[in-house]
């Protein structure tokens, strides 16, 4: 199924969860903020929140530097 991730179309498997997508992206152990359809998705629901066709996600990671 197709979703939009950070403004780009992306195909994911049916029944993919937010946590599954983060694992697919290699971000499962990093601090991230996830928004699904303009709603913040708290870390505590990532494992249960299933993505649906057409969902729009924004995933933001923290980047250090100086």
Protein backbone atom coordinates (compact mmCIF):
# COMPACT_ATOMS: atom_id res chain seq x y z
CA UNK A 1 0.00 0.00 0.00
CA UNK A 2 1.12 3.56 -0.55
CA UNK A 3 1.77 6.12 2.18
CA UNK A 4 3.55 9.47 2.12
CA UNK A 5 6.66 9.67 4.29
CA UNK A 6 8.20 13.10 4.79
CA UNK A 7 6.57 14.30 1.58
CA UNK A 8 7.68 11.34 -0.55
CA UNK A 9 5.53 8.39 -1.70
CA UNK A 10 6.56 5.08 -0.16
CA UNK A 11 5.20 1.59 -0.52
CA UNK A 12 4.81 -0.46 2.66
CA UNK A 13 3.33 -3.87 3.37
CA UNK A 14 -0.27 -4.21 4.56
CA UNK A 15 -0.57 -4.17 8.37
CA UNK A 16 2.71 -2.29 8.83
CA UNK A 17 2.80 -0.50 12.17
CA UNK A 18 4.58 2.74 12.97
CA UNK A 19 7.15 0.68 14.88
CA UNK A 20 7.59 -1.63 11.89
CA UNK A 21 8.17 1.32 9.59
CA UNK A 22 10.74 2.80 11.99
CA UNK A 23 12.53 -0.58 12.06
CA UNK A 24 12.46 -0.69 8.26
CA UNK A 25 14.06 2.76 8.23
CA UNK A 26 16.70 1.73 10.80
CA UNK A 27 15.34 4.23 13.33
CA UNK A 28 13.85 1.89 15.94
CA UNK A 29 16.44 2.71 18.59
CA UNK A 30 16.81 6.43 17.88
CA UNK A 31 14.82 9.24 19.46
CA UNK A 32 12.23 10.29 16.88
CA UNK A 33 9.01 12.25 16.69
CA UNK A 34 6.31 10.73 14.48
CA UNK A 35 3.24 12.49 13.15
CA UNK A 36 0.51 10.52 11.37
CA UNK A 37 -2.04 12.57 9.45
CA UNK A 38 -1.11 15.73 11.38
CA UNK A 39 -1.49 13.97 14.77
CA UNK A 40 1.46 13.22 17.05
CA UNK A 41 1.88 9.46 17.52
CA UNK A 42 3.32 8.90 21.01
CA UNK A 43 6.06 6.26 21.27
CA UNK A 44 3.79 4.12 23.45
CA UNK A 45 1.40 3.47 20.54
CA UNK A 46 3.95 2.87 17.76
CA UNK A 47 3.72 -0.93 18.09
CA UNK A 48 -0.08 -0.96 17.85
CA UNK A 49 -0.75 1.86 15.39
CA UNK A 50 -1.24 0.28 11.96
CA UNK A 51 -0.71 2.36 8.87
CA UNK A 52 -3.47 2.68 6.27
CA UNK A 53 -3.47 3.40 2.56
CA UNK A 54 -2.88 7.10 2.00
CA UNK A 55 -1.57 7.92 5.48
CA UNK A 56 0.79 10.89 5.61
CA UNK A 57 3.68 10.57 8.02
CA UNK A 58 6.38 12.94 9.15
CA UNK A 59 9.32 11.38 10.98
CA UNK A 60 11.84 13.72 12.59
CA UNK A 61 15.08 12.60 14.20
CA UNK A 62 17.38 14.57 16.44
CA UNK A 63 20.70 15.49 14.91
CA UNK A 64 23.60 16.70 17.00
CA UNK A 65 26.29 18.97 15.77
CA UNK A 66 28.09 22.11 16.43
